[in-house]
Structures are given as C-alpha cells and as structure tokens.
Amino acid sequence: MKIKWLNKPQKHDYPAAASYLSLSMDEVAAKNAAEELQNAEMSAFAAKDIFRESGLSLLGVSDSHVQKDRDAIIREEKLSPLLLYRDKTHSRLIIADGYHRLCAVYKFDEDAIIPCKIV
C-alpha cells in the first residue's frame, strides 16, 4: 500500500507544534521554532530512522489517533508531513507534530520515506 502525503504541512500543524514545544521550552522559543519550521524546506526521512533518533515508543493501533490515521491511509487519503525539531541542547529529535501519523505509517512500512520539515 502506497502512503499518500500532502505537499506541505497543514496550517494548523504549526500552532500544534508550538504548543507541544512549549512543554520543553519557553513560549517565545516554541513560537520561534514553529516559525522556523514554517519557513523550512521540505525534507524526507525513513520512518524507522525518525523513531530511532527520537527515542520514542511506537504507539499501538489501540490509540484512537493512530487508528484514525491508519484508517486515512487505508482510504488512500493524504497525510500531513511531520514537523521535526532538533534539540541540540539535549541531542535529541523532537517530533513537534505528527507522532500519531508516524506510528500509523510505521505499522504499514517501517522503511516508508516520510516527508517532513526539520529545523
């Protein structure tokens, strides 16, 4: 099954990324990071590499958001690309937006190339 992607993240993904990033940095820094993401060029990485670098666990299909994205893949709907932030202070990758989409895609194909923006 080929996973389909939008050409760029949706507008609402950037405020969601800022909100998530504000959990680990102050609000101004989080807002600035979201603006950097908005201005970044598109990139692409393998699902398995994003997981390895983020250090996060794979959510199961029992998670309602993962199931929703999984259903969208089956219906051949286009998914929004991920927003990734390199936390240089802690040497880790933060999935600022798209963790559930990543989990859903990984269930189909861990080698899938996922479009994203990264700063």
PDB file of N, CA and C in Angstrom:
ATOM      1  N   MET A   1       0.843  -1.181   0.000  1.00  0.00           N
ATOM      2  CA  MET A   1       0.000   0.000   0.000  1.00  0.00           C
ATOM      3  C   MET A   1       0.889   1.245   0.000  1.00  0.00           C
ATOM      4  N   LYS A   2       0.628   2.140  -0.926  1.00  0.00           N
ATOM      5  CA  LYS A   2       1.391   3.376  -1.014  1.00  0.00           C
ATOM      6  C   LYS A   2       0.743   4.427  -0.117  1.00  0.00           C
ATOM      7  N   ILE A   3       1.539   5.004   0.743  1.00  0.00           N
ATOM      8  CA  ILE A   3       1.051   6.044   1.644  1.00  0.00           C
ATOM      9  C   ILE A   3       1.151   7.378   0.925  1.00  0.00           C
ATOM     10  N   LYS A   4       0.062   8.118   0.959  1.00  0.00           N
ATOM     11  CA  LYS A   4      -0.004   9.391   0.234  1.00  0.00           C
ATOM     12  C   LYS A   4       0.189  10.556   1.203  1.00  0.00           C
ATOM     13  N   TRP A   5       0.838  11.597   0.699  1.00  0.00           N
ATOM     14  CA  TRP A   5       1.178  12.754   1.522  1.00  0.00           C
ATOM     15  C   TRP A   5       0.762  14.053   0.849  1.00  0.00           C
ATOM     16  N   LEU A   6       0.392  15.024   1.659  1.00  0.00           N
ATOM     17  CA  LEU A   6       0.191  16.381   1.173  1.00  0.00           C
ATOM     18  C   LEU A   6       1.554  16.956   0.792  1.00  0.00           C
ATOM     19  N   ASN A   7       1.579  17.970  -0.049  1.00  0.00           N
ATOM     20  CA  ASN A   7       2.841  18.587  -0.464  1.00  0.00           C
ATOM     21  C   ASN A   7       3.517  19.372   0.647  1.00  0.00           C
ATOM     22  N   LYS A   8       2.713  19.829   1.613  1.00  0.00           N
ATOM     23  CA  LYS A   8       3.258  20.598   2.729  1.00  0.00           C
ATOM     24  C   LYS A   8       2.359  20.401   3.940  1.00  0.00           C
ATOM     25  N   PRO A   9       2.886  20.674   5.140  1.00  0.00           N
ATOM     26  CA  PRO A   9       2.058  20.546   6.344  1.00  0.00           C
ATOM     27  C   PRO A   9       0.853  21.483   6.296  1.00  0.00           C
ATOM     28  N   GLN A  10      -0.173  21.117   7.006  1.00  0.00           N
ATOM     29  CA  GLN A  10      -1.373  21.944   7.077  1.00  0.00           C
ATOM     30  C   GLN A  10      -1.125  23.121   8.026  1.00  0.00           C
ATOM     31  N   LYS A  11      -1.852  24.204   7.818  1.00  0.00           N
ATOM     32  CA  LYS A  11      -1.658  25.421   8.625  1.00  0.00           C
ATOM     33  C   LYS A  11      -1.779  25.153  10.124  1.00  0.00           C
ATOM     34  N   HIS A  12      -2.739  24.315  10.513  1.00  0.00           N
ATOM     35  CA  HIS A  12      -2.960  24.079  11.942  1.00  0.00           C
ATOM     36  C   HIS A  12      -1.850  23.244  12.587  1.00  0.00           C
ATOM     37  N   ASP A  13      -0.966  22.650  11.783  1.00  0.00           N
ATOM     38  CA  ASP A  13       0.131  21.856  12.339  1.00  0.00           C
ATOM     39  C   ASP A  13       1.159  22.734  13.062  1.00  0.00           C
ATOM     40  N   TYR A  14       1.336  23.968  12.596  1.00  0.00           N
ATOM     41  CA  TYR A  14       2.351  24.841  13.194  1.00  0.00           C
ATOM     42  C   TYR A  14       1.981  25.302  14.607  1.00  0.00           C
ATOM     43  N   PRO A  15       0.736  25.769  14.848  1.00  0.00           N
ATOM     44  CA  PRO A  15       0.368  26.084  16.233  1.00  0.00           C
ATOM     45  C   PRO A  15       0.401  24.840  17.137  1.00  0.00           C
ATOM     46  N   ALA A  16       0.053  23.678  16.571  1.00  0.00           N
ATOM     47  CA  ALA A  16       0.124  22.437  17.353  1.00  0.00           C
ATOM     48  C   ALA A  16       1.570  22.140  17.733  1.00  0.00           C
ATOM     49  N   ALA A  17       2.498  22.363  16.806  1.00  0.00           N
ATOM     50  CA  ALA A  17       3.921  22.155  17.086  1.00  0.00           C
ATOM     51  C   ALA A  17       4.397  23.128  18.162  1.00  0.00           C
ATOM     52  N   ALA A  18       3.993  24.394  18.054  1.00  0.00           N
ATOM     53  CA  ALA A  18       4.386  25.396  19.050  1.00  0.00           C
ATOM     54  C   ALA A  18       3.859  25.007  20.432  1.00  0.00           C
ATOM     55  N   SER A  19       2.623  24.538  20.485  1.00  0.00           N
ATOM     56  CA  SER A  19       2.036  24.125  21.750  1.00  0.00           C
ATOM     57  C   SER A  19       2.825  22.976  22.370  1.00  0.00           C
ATOM     58  N   TYR A  20       3.153  21.973  21.551  1.00  0.00           N
ATOM     59  CA  TYR A  20       3.907  20.831  22.057  1.00  0.00           C
ATOM     60  C   TYR A  20       5.308  21.265  22.500  1.00  0.00           C
ATOM     61  N   LEU A  21       5.978  22.060  21.686  1.00  0.00           N
ATOM     62  CA  LEU A  21       7.329  22.501  22.021  1.00  0.00           C
ATOM     63  C   LEU A  21       7.351  23.359  23.276  1.00  0.00           C
ATOM     64  N   SER A  22       6.252  24.054  23.575  1.00  0.00           N
ATOM     65  CA  SER A  22       6.211  24.906  24.767  1.00  0.00           C
ATOM     66  C   SER A  22       6.242  24.093  26.063  1.00  0.00           C
ATOM     67  N   LEU A  23       6.101  22.775  25.949  1.00  0.00           N
ATOM     68  CA  LEU A  23       6.237  21.919  27.133  1.00  0.00           C
ATOM     69  C   LEU A  23       7.698  21.783  27.556  1.00  0.00           C
ATOM     70  N   SER A  24       8.625  21.934  26.601  1.00  0.00           N
ATOM     71  CA  SER A  24      10.042  21.758  26.928  1.00  0.00           C
ATOM     72  C   SER A  24      10.875  23.027  26.744  1.00  0.00           C
ATOM     73  N   MET A  25      10.245  24.114  26.314  1.00  0.00           N
ATOM     74  CA  MET A  25      10.943  25.396  26.169  1.00  0.00           C
ATOM     75  C   MET A  25       9.944  26.508  26.444  1.00  0.00           C
ATOM     76  N   ASP A  26      10.459  27.705  26.644  1.00  0.00           N
ATOM     77  CA  ASP A  26       9.529  28.797  26.935  1.00  0.00           C
ATOM     78  C   ASP A  26       8.688  29.108  25.702  1.00  0.00           C
ATOM     79  N   GLU A  27       7.598  29.801  25.938  1.00  0.00           N
ATOM     80  CA  GLU A  27       6.607  30.033  24.892  1.00  0.00           C
ATOM     81  C   GLU A  27       7.173  30.799  23.692  1.00  0.00           C
ATOM     82  N   VAL A  28       8.029  31.771  23.935  1.00  0.00           N
ATOM     83  CA  VAL A  28       8.617  32.560  22.847  1.00  0.00           C
ATOM     84  C   VAL A  28       9.517  31.671  21.988  1.00  0.00           C
ATOM     85  N   ALA A  29      10.341  30.858  22.631  1.00  0.00           N
ATOM     86  CA  ALA A  29      11.230  29.950  21.890  1.00  0.00           C
ATOM     87  C   ALA A  29      10.415  28.946  21.076  1.00  0.00           C
ATOM     88  N   ALA A  30       9.330  28.456  21.665  1.00  0.00           N
ATOM     89  CA  ALA A  30       8.473  27.492  20.961  1.00  0.00           C
ATOM     90  C   ALA A  30       7.820  28.139  19.741  1.00  0.00           C
ATOM     91  N   LYS A  31       7.352  29.357  19.904  1.00  0.00           N
ATOM     92  CA  LYS A  31       6.731  30.078  18.795  1.00  0.00           C
ATOM     93  C   LYS A  31       7.762  30.342  17.697  1.00  0.00           C
ATOM     94  N   ASN A  32       8.984  30.718  18.092  1.00  0.00           N
ATOM     95  CA  ASN A  32      10.055  30.945  17.115  1.00  0.00           C
ATOM     96  C   ASN A  32      10.415  29.665  16.371  1.00  0.00           C
ATOM     97  N   ALA A  33      10.451  28.551  17.086  1.00  0.00           N
ATOM     98  CA  ALA A  33      10.754  27.260  16.455  1.00  0.00           C
ATOM     99  C   ALA A  33       9.675  26.902  15.439  1.00  0.00           C
ATOM    100  N   ALA A  34       8.411  27.159  15.779  1.00  0.00           N
ATOM    101  CA  ALA A  34       7.310  26.873  14.853  1.00  0.00           C
ATOM    102  C   ALA A  34       7.415  27.753  13.609  1.00  0.00           C
ATOM    103  N   GLU A  35       7.832  29.002  13.783  1.00  0.00           N
ATOM    104  CA  GLU A  35       8.030  29.883  12.628  1.00  0.00           C
ATOM    105  C   GLU A  35       9.187  29.393  11.752  1.00  0.00           C
ATOM    106  N   GLU A  36      10.257  28.918  12.396  1.00  0.00           N
ATOM    107  CA  GLU A  36      11.375  28.334  11.636  1.00  0.00           C
ATOM    108  C   GLU A  36      10.901  27.139  10.826  1.00  0.00           C
ATOM    109  N   LEU A  37      10.075  26.308  11.445  1.00  0.00           N
ATOM    110  CA  LEU A  37       9.533  25.137  10.743  1.00  0.00           C
ATOM    111  C   LEU A  37       8.691  25.573   9.546  1.00  0.00           C
ATOM    112  N   GLN A  38       7.918  26.603   9.732  1.00  0.00           N
ATOM    113  CA  GLN A  38       7.060  27.080   8.650  1.00  0.00           C
ATOM    114  C   GLN A  38       7.903  27.534   7.452  1.00  0.00           C
ATOM    115  N   ASN A  39       9.070  28.120   7.717  1.00  0.00           N
ATOM    116  CA  ASN A  39       9.941  28.633   6.657  1.00  0.00           C
ATOM    117  C   ASN A  39      10.922  27.591   6.114  1.00  0.00           C
ATOM    118  N   ALA A  40      10.999  26.439   6.761  1.00  0.00           N
ATOM    119  CA  ALA A  40      11.958  25.401   6.359  1.00  0.00           C
ATOM    120  C   ALA A  40      11.542  24.733   5.049  1.00  0.00           C
ATOM    121  N   GLU A  41      12.525  24.228   4.355  1.00  0.00           N
ATOM    122  CA  GLU A  41      12.283  23.448   3.139  1.00  0.00           C
ATOM    123  C   GLU A  41      11.814  22.046   3.527  1.00  0.00           C
ATOM    124  N   MET A  42      11.152  21.402   2.603  1.00  0.00           N
ATOM    125  CA  MET A  42      10.729  20.019   2.835  1.00  0.00           C
ATOM    126  C   MET A  42      11.940  19.092   2.775  1.00  0.00           C
ATOM    127  N   SER A  43      11.912  18.069   3.601  1.00  0.00           N
ATOM    128  CA  SER A  43      12.919  17.005   3.638  1.00  0.00           C
ATOM    129  C   SER A  43      12.174  15.673   3.667  1.00  0.00           C
ATOM    130  N   ALA A  44      12.906  14.593   3.765  1.00  0.00           N
ATOM    131  CA  ALA A  44      12.277  13.280   3.888  1.00  0.00           C
ATOM    132  C   ALA A  44      13.243  12.321   4.573  1.00  0.00           C
ATOM    133  N   PHE A  45      12.704  11.492   5.452  1.00  0.00           N
ATOM    134  CA  PHE A  45      13.494  10.508   6.186  1.00  0.00           C
ATOM    135  C   PHE A  45      12.691   9.216   6.323  1.00  0.00           C
ATOM    136  N   ALA A  46      13.375   8.109   6.515  1.00  0.00           N
ATOM    137  CA  ALA A  46      12.716   6.821   6.734  1.00  0.00           C
ATOM    138  C   ALA A  46      12.039   6.817   8.104  1.00  0.00           C
ATOM    139  N   ALA A  47      10.865   6.217   8.170  1.00  0.00           N
ATOM    140  CA  ALA A  47      10.113   6.139   9.425  1.00  0.00           C
ATOM    141  C   ALA A  47      10.969   5.549  10.533  1.00  0.00           C
ATOM    142  N   LYS A  48      11.679   4.470  10.240  1.00  0.00           N
ATOM    143  CA  LYS A  48      12.480   3.807  11.276  1.00  0.00           C
ATOM    144  C   LYS A  48      13.590   4.711  11.794  1.00  0.00           C
ATOM    145  N   ASP A  49      14.146   5.562  10.947  1.00  0.00           N
ATOM    146  CA  ASP A  49      15.208   6.466  11.382  1.00  0.00           C
ATOM    147  C   ASP A  49      14.666   7.582  12.273  1.00  0.00           C
ATOM    148  N   ILE A  50      13.479   8.079  11.939  1.00  0.00           N
ATOM    149  CA  ILE A  50      12.864   9.104  12.777  1.00  0.00           C
ATOM    150  C   ILE A  50      12.597   8.528  14.163  1.00  0.00           C
ATOM    151  N   PHE A  51      12.060   7.312  14.213  1.00  0.00           N
ATOM    152  CA  PHE A  51      11.809   6.671  15.510  1.00  0.00           C
ATOM    153  C   PHE A  51      13.089   6.480  16.297  1.00  0.00           C
ATOM    154  N   ARG A  52      14.105   5.957  15.641  1.00  0.00           N
ATOM    155  CA  ARG A  52      15.365   5.695  16.353  1.00  0.00           C
ATOM    156  C   ARG A  52      15.936   6.977  16.940  1.00  0.00           C
ATOM    157  N   GLU A  53      15.941   8.031  16.159  1.00  0.00           N
ATOM    158  CA  GLU A  53      16.546   9.279  16.633  1.00  0.00           C
ATOM    159  C   GLU A  53      15.694   9.957  17.706  1.00  0.00           C
ATOM    160  N   SER A  54      14.385   9.814  17.634  1.00  0.00           N
ATOM    161  CA  SER A  54      13.520  10.462  18.631  1.00  0.00           C
ATOM    162  C   SER A  54      13.553   9.736  19.972  1.00  0.00           C
ATOM    163  N   GLY A  55      13.818   8.427  19.939  1.00  0.00           N
ATOM    164  CA  GLY A  55      13.823   7.642  21.170  1.00  0.00           C
ATOM    165  C   GLY A  55      12.430   7.347  21.710  1.00  0.00           C
ATOM    166  N   LEU A  56      11.398   7.646  20.922  1.00  0.00           N
ATOM    167  CA  LEU A  56      10.028   7.415  21.366  1.00  0.00           C
ATOM    168  C   LEU A  56       9.588   5.980  21.124  1.00  0.00           C
ATOM    169  N   SER A  57       8.580   5.573  21.850  1.00  0.00           N
ATOM    170  CA  SER A  57       7.989   4.251  21.669  1.00  0.00           C
ATOM    171  C   SER A  57       6.914   4.318  20.598  1.00  0.00           C
ATOM    172  N   LEU A  58       6.689   3.199  19.953  1.00  0.00           N
ATOM    173  CA  LEU A  58       5.646   3.080  18.952  1.00  0.00           C
ATOM    174  C   LEU A  58       4.301   2.917  19.651  1.00  0.00           C
ATOM    175  N   LEU A  59       3.364   3.789  19.322  1.00  0.00           N
ATOM    176  CA  LEU A  59       2.009   3.667  19.852  1.00  0.00           C
ATOM    177  C   LEU A  59       1.260   2.608  19.062  1.00  0.00           C
ATOM    178  N   GLY A  60       0.415   1.859  19.732  1.00  0.00           N
ATOM    179  CA  GLY A  60      -0.348   0.802  19.075  1.00  0.00           C
ATOM    180  C   GLY A  60      -1.616   1.318  18.418  1.00  0.00           C
ATOM    181  N   VAL A  61      -2.242   0.447  17.660  1.00  0.00           N
ATOM    182  CA  VAL A  61      -3.484   0.832  16.974  1.00  0.00           C
ATOM    183  C   VAL A  61      -4.625   1.035  17.957  1.00  0.00           C
ATOM    184  N   SER A  62      -4.432   0.665  19.217  1.00  0.00           N
ATOM    185  CA  SER A  62      -5.476   0.929  20.209  1.00  0.00           C
ATOM    186  C   SER A  62      -5.554   2.422  20.536  1.00  0.00           C
ATOM    187  N   ASP A  63      -4.528   3.190  20.161  1.00  0.00           N
ATOM    188  CA  ASP A  63      -4.573   4.637  20.327  1.00  0.00           C
ATOM    189  C   ASP A  63      -5.523   5.199  19.269  1.00  0.00           C
ATOM    190  N   SER A  64      -6.505   5.979  19.685  1.00  0.00           N
ATOM    191  CA  SER A  64      -7.534   6.444  18.750  1.00  0.00           C
ATOM    192  C   SER A  64      -6.977   7.318  17.636  1.00  0.00           C
ATOM    193  N   HIS A  65      -5.954   8.119  17.922  1.00  0.00           N
ATOM    194  CA  HIS A  65      -5.374   8.980  16.882  1.00  0.00           C
ATOM    195  C   HIS A  65      -4.590   8.160  15.857  1.00  0.00           C
ATOM    196  N   VAL A  66      -3.888   7.146  16.330  1.00  0.00           N
ATOM    197  CA  VAL A  66      -3.168   6.259  15.411  1.00  0.00           C
ATOM    198  C   VAL A  66      -4.173   5.524  14.534  1.00  0.00           C
ATOM    199  N   GLN A  67      -5.249   5.053  15.126  1.00  0.00           N
ATOM    200  CA  GLN A  67      -6.275   4.344  14.363  1.00  0.00           C
ATOM    201  C   GLN A  67      -6.899   5.251  13.306  1.00  0.00           C
ATOM    202  N   LYS A  68      -7.155   6.502  13.673  1.00  0.00           N
ATOM    203  CA  LYS A  68      -7.723   7.469  12.726  1.00  0.00           C
ATOM    204  C   LYS A  68      -6.778   7.665  11.535  1.00  0.00           C
ATOM    205  N   ASP A  69      -5.482   7.803  11.805  1.00  0.00           N
ATOM    206  CA  ASP A  69      -4.515   7.978  10.717  1.00  0.00           C
ATOM    207  C   ASP A  69      -4.360   6.687   9.910  1.00  0.00           C
ATOM    208  N   ARG A  70      -4.434   5.561  10.578  1.00  0.00           N
ATOM    209  CA  ARG A  70      -4.365   4.268   9.892  1.00  0.00           C
ATOM    210  C   ARG A  70      -5.546   4.116   8.929  1.00  0.00           C
ATOM    211  N   ASP A  71      -6.723   4.493   9.389  1.00  0.00           N
ATOM    212  CA  ASP A  71      -7.923   4.445   8.540  1.00  0.00           C
ATOM    213  C   ASP A  71      -7.770   5.372   7.339  1.00  0.00           C
ATOM    214  N   ALA A  72      -7.180   6.550   7.560  1.00  0.00           N
ATOM    215  CA  ALA A  72      -6.957   7.501   6.460  1.00  0.00           C
ATOM    216  C   ALA A  72      -6.012   6.903   5.416  1.00  0.00           C
ATOM    217  N   ILE A  73      -5.008   6.184   5.868  1.00  0.00           N
ATOM    218  CA  ILE A  73      -4.075   5.530   4.938  1.00  0.00           C
ATOM    219  C   ILE A  73      -4.820   4.489   4.109  1.00  0.00           C
ATOM    220  N   ILE A  74      -5.650   3.697   4.753  1.00  0.00           N
ATOM    221  CA  ILE A  74      -6.422   2.656   4.054  1.00  0.00           C
ATOM    222  C   ILE A  74      -7.367   3.282   3.032  1.00  0.00           C
ATOM    223  N   ARG A  75      -7.944   4.435   3.374  1.00  0.00           N
ATOM    224  CA  ARG A  75      -8.849   5.135   2.451  1.00  0.00           C
ATOM    225  C   ARG A  75      -8.073   5.914   1.379  1.00  0.00           C
ATOM    226  N   GLU A  76      -6.754   5.810   1.425  1.00  0.00           N
ATOM    227  CA  GLU A  76      -5.849   6.479   0.479  1.00  0.00           C
ATOM    228  C   GLU A  76      -5.955   8.001   0.540  1.00  0.00           C
ATOM    229  N   GLU A  77      -6.219   8.502   1.735  1.00  0.00           N
ATOM    230  CA  GLU A  77      -6.222   9.947   1.951  1.00  0.00           C
ATOM    231  C   GLU A  77      -4.790  10.418   2.187  1.00  0.00           C
ATOM    232  N   LYS A  78      -4.531  11.659   1.847  1.00  0.00           N
ATOM    233  CA  LYS A  78      -3.195  12.212   2.022  1.00  0.00           C
ATOM    234  C   LYS A  78      -2.998  12.668   3.468  1.00  0.00           C
ATOM    235  N   LEU A  79      -1.825  12.341   3.999  1.00  0.00           N
ATOM    236  CA  LEU A  79      -1.460  12.738   5.354  1.00  0.00           C
ATOM    237  C   LEU A  79      -0.614  14.005   5.309  1.00  0.00           C
ATOM    238  N   SER A  80      -0.626  14.732   6.400  1.00  0.00           N
ATOM    239  CA  SER A  80       0.194  15.926   6.522  1.00  0.00           C
ATOM    240  C   SER A  80       1.621  15.518   6.899  1.00  0.00           C
ATOM    241  N   PRO A  81       2.635  16.116   6.265  1.00  0.00           N
ATOM    242  CA  PRO A  81       4.031  15.814   6.625  1.00  0.00           C
ATOM    243  C   PRO A  81       4.315  16.127   8.101  1.00  0.00           C
ATOM    244  N   LEU A  82       5.379  15.529   8.626  1.00  0.00           N
ATOM    245  CA  LEU A  82       5.761  15.728  10.019  1.00  0.00           C
ATOM    246  C   LEU A  82       6.527  17.030  10.199  1.00  0.00           C
ATOM    247  N   LEU A  83       6.514  17.530  11.425  1.00  0.00           N
ATOM    248  CA  LEU A  83       7.330  18.679  11.807  1.00  0.00           C
ATOM    249  C   LEU A  83       8.308  18.202  12.877  1.00  0.00           C
ATOM    250  N   LEU A  84       9.599  18.298  12.575  1.00  0.00           N
ATOM    251  CA  LEU A  84      10.644  17.775  13.446  1.00  0.00           C
ATOM    252  C   LEU A  84      11.558  18.898  13.920  1.00  0.00           C
ATOM    253  N   TYR A  85      11.952  18.828  15.196  1.00  0.00           N
ATOM    254  CA  TYR A  85      12.818  19.849  15.785  1.00  0.00           C
ATOM    255  C   TYR A  85      14.044  19.183  16.404  1.00  0.00           C
ATOM    256  N   ARG A  86      15.210  19.670  16.011  1.00  0.00           N
ATOM    257  CA  ARG A  86      16.466  19.143  16.574  1.00  0.00           C
ATOM    258  C   ARG A  86      16.781  19.901  17.866  1.00  0.00           C
ATOM    259  N   ASP A  87      16.659  19.223  18.981  1.00  0.00           N
ATOM    260  CA  ASP A  87      17.000  19.804  20.281  1.00  0.00           C
ATOM    261  C   ASP A  87      18.497  19.606  20.480  1.00  0.00           C
ATOM    262  N   LYS A  88      19.269  20.605  20.113  1.00  0.00           N
ATOM    263  CA  LYS A  88      20.730  20.495  20.158  1.00  0.00           C
ATOM    264  C   LYS A  88      21.249  20.463  21.593  1.00  0.00           C
ATOM    265  N   THR A  89      20.522  21.065  22.516  1.00  0.00           N
ATOM    266  CA  THR A  89      20.937  21.084  23.917  1.00  0.00           C
ATOM    267  C   THR A  89      20.964  19.676  24.497  1.00  0.00           C
ATOM    268  N   HIS A  90      19.964  18.885  24.144  1.00  0.00           N
ATOM    269  CA  HIS A  90      19.850  17.519  24.691  1.00  0.00           C
ATOM    270  C   HIS A  90      20.171  16.438  23.661  1.00  0.00           C
ATOM    271  N   SER A  91      20.631  16.852  22.496  1.00  0.00           N
ATOM    272  CA  SER A  91      20.991  15.916  21.416  1.00  0.00           C
ATOM    273  C   SER A  91      19.891  14.895  21.147  1.00  0.00           C
ATOM    274  N   ARG A  92      18.693  15.420  20.870  1.00  0.00           N
ATOM    275  CA  ARG A  92      17.598  14.512  20.543  1.00  0.00           C
ATOM    276  C   ARG A  92      16.684  15.164  19.520  1.00  0.00           C
ATOM    277  N   LEU A  93      15.910  14.342  18.879  1.00  0.00           N
ATOM    278  CA  LEU A  93      14.947  14.796  17.895  1.00  0.00           C
ATOM    279  C   LEU A  93      13.571  14.840  18.536  1.00  0.00           C
ATOM    280  N   ILE A  94      12.896  15.959  18.387  1.00  0.00           N
ATOM    281  CA  ILE A  94      11.532  16.112  18.918  1.00  0.00           C
ATOM    282  C   ILE A  94      10.565  16.061  17.737  1.00  0.00           C
ATOM    283  N   ILE A  95       9.583  15.202  17.831  1.00  0.00           N
ATOM    284  CA  ILE A  95       8.511  15.188  16.836  1.00  0.00           C
ATOM    285  C   ILE A  95       7.513  16.232  17.304  1.00  0.00           C
ATOM    286  N   ALA A  96       7.646  17.445  16.753  1.00  0.00           N
ATOM    287  CA  ALA A  96       6.820  18.564  17.189  1.00  0.00           C
ATOM    288  C   ALA A  96       5.372  18.391  16.754  1.00  0.00           C
ATOM    289  N   ASP A  97       5.155  17.755  15.616  1.00  0.00           N
ATOM    290  CA  ASP A  97       3.796  17.448  15.161  1.00  0.00           C
ATOM    291  C   ASP A  97       3.862  16.243  14.231  1.00  0.00           C
ATOM    292  N   GLY A  98       2.993  15.273  14.470  1.00  0.00           N
ATOM    293  CA  GLY A  98       2.894  14.128  13.578  1.00  0.00           C
ATOM    294  C   GLY A  98       3.246  12.782  14.188  1.00  0.00           C
ATOM    295  N   TYR A  99       3.388  12.726  15.516  1.00  0.00           N
ATOM    296  CA  TYR A  99       3.755  11.473  16.170  1.00  0.00           C
ATOM    297  C   TYR A  99       2.762  10.354  15.850  1.00  0.00           C
ATOM    298  N   HIS A 100       1.482  10.644  15.900  1.00  0.00           N
ATOM    299  CA  HIS A 100       0.466   9.623  15.615  1.00  0.00           C
ATOM    300  C   HIS A 100       0.523   9.184  14.155  1.00  0.00           C
ATOM    301  N   ARG A 101       0.760  10.136  13.249  1.00  0.00           N
ATOM    302  CA  ARG A 101       0.891   9.784  11.831  1.00  0.00           C
ATOM    303  C   ARG A 101       2.103   8.883  11.632  1.00  0.00           C
ATOM    304  N   LEU A 102       3.209   9.202  12.294  1.00  0.00           N
ATOM    305  CA  LEU A 102       4.414   8.382  12.199  1.00  0.00           C
ATOM    306  C   LEU A 102       4.132   6.955  12.665  1.00  0.00           C
ATOM    307  N   CYS A 103       3.440   6.819  13.786  1.00  0.00           N
ATOM    308  CA  CYS A 103       3.111   5.485  14.314  1.00  0.00           C
ATOM    309  C   CYS A 103       2.231   4.710  13.339  1.00  0.00           C
ATOM    310  N   ALA A 104       1.249   5.396  12.757  1.00  0.00           N
ATOM    311  CA  ALA A 104       0.348   4.736  11.805  1.00  0.00           C
ATOM    312  C   ALA A 104       1.120   4.273  10.571  1.00  0.00           C
ATOM    313  N   VAL A 105       1.974   5.127  10.056  1.00  0.00           N
ATOM    314  CA  VAL A 105       2.762   4.775   8.868  1.00  0.00           C
ATOM    315  C   VAL A 105       3.692   3.609   9.169  1.00  0.00           C
ATOM    316  N   TYR A 106       4.349   3.642  10.308  1.00  0.00           N
ATOM    317  CA  TYR A 106       5.302   2.600  10.695  1.00  0.00           C
ATOM    318  C   TYR A 106       4.637   1.226  10.731  1.00  0.00           C
ATOM    319  N   LYS A 107       3.378   1.185  11.122  1.00  0.00           N
ATOM    320  CA  LYS A 107       2.648  -0.096  11.167  1.00  0.00           C
ATOM    321  C   LYS A 107       2.508  -0.722   9.777  1.00  0.00           C
ATOM    322  N   PHE A 108       2.479   0.131   8.743  1.00  0.00           N
ATOM    323  CA  PHE A 108       2.376  -0.354   7.364  1.00  0.00           C
ATOM    324  C   PHE A 108       3.746  -0.654   6.765  1.00  0.00           C
ATOM    325  N   ASP A 109       4.706   0.233   7.039  1.00  0.00           N
ATOM    326  CA  ASP A 109       6.008   0.107   6.389  1.00  0.00           C
ATOM    327  C   ASP A 109       7.052   0.899   7.161  1.00  0.00           C
ATOM    328  N   GLU A 110       7.885   0.201   7.930  1.00  0.00           N
ATOM    329  CA  GLU A 110       8.904   0.891   8.730  1.00  0.00           C
ATOM    330  C   GLU A 110       9.957   1.576   7.861  1.00  0.00           C
ATOM    331  N   ASP A 111      10.072   1.168   6.597  1.00  0.00           N
ATOM    332  CA  ASP A 111      11.024   1.782   5.673  1.00  0.00           C
ATOM    333  C   ASP A 111      10.414   2.938   4.881  1.00  0.00           C
ATOM    334  N   ALA A 112       9.146   3.233   5.121  1.00  0.00           N
ATOM    335  CA  ALA A 112       8.474   4.300   4.378  1.00  0.00           C
ATOM    336  C   ALA A 112       9.245   5.609   4.527  1.00  0.00           C
ATOM    337  N   ILE A 113       9.373   6.316   3.423  1.00  0.00           N
ATOM    338  CA  ILE A 113      10.008   7.625   3.439  1.00  0.00           C
ATOM    339  C   ILE A 113       8.926   8.655   3.744  1.00  0.00           C
ATOM    340  N   ILE A 114       9.158   9.413   4.804  1.00  0.00           N
ATOM    341  CA  ILE A 114       8.151  10.351   5.292  1.00  0.00           C
ATOM    342  C   ILE A 114       8.602  11.780   5.024  1.00  0.00           C
ATOM    343  N   PRO A 115       7.775  12.545   4.300  1.00  0.00           N
ATOM    344  CA  PRO A 115       8.108  13.950   4.080  1.00  0.00           C
ATOM    345  C   PRO A 115       7.949  14.720   5.397  1.00  0.00           C
ATOM    346  N   CYS A 116       8.833  15.691   5.577  1.00  0.00           N
ATOM    347  CA  CYS A 116       8.789  16.466   6.807  1.00  0.00           C
ATOM    348  C   CYS A 116       9.513  17.788   6.631  1.00  0.00           C
ATOM    349  N   LYS A 117       9.355  18.627   7.610  1.00  0.00           N
ATOM    350  CA  LYS A 117      10.163  19.820   7.747  1.00  0.00           C
ATOM    351  C   LYS A 117      10.959  19.627   9.027  1.00  0.00           C
ATOM    352  N   ILE A 118      12.231  20.020   8.980  1.00  0.00           N
ATOM    353  CA  ILE A 118      13.092  19.839  10.146  1.00  0.00           C
ATOM    354  C   ILE A 118      13.976  21.059  10.340  1.00  0.00           C
ATOM    355  N   VAL A 119      14.070  21.488  11.580  1.00  0.00           N
ATOM    356  CA  VAL A 119      14.978  22.582  11.939  1.00  0.00           C
ATOM    357  C   VAL A 119      15.766  22.182  13.167  1.00  0.00           C
TER     358      VAL A 119
END
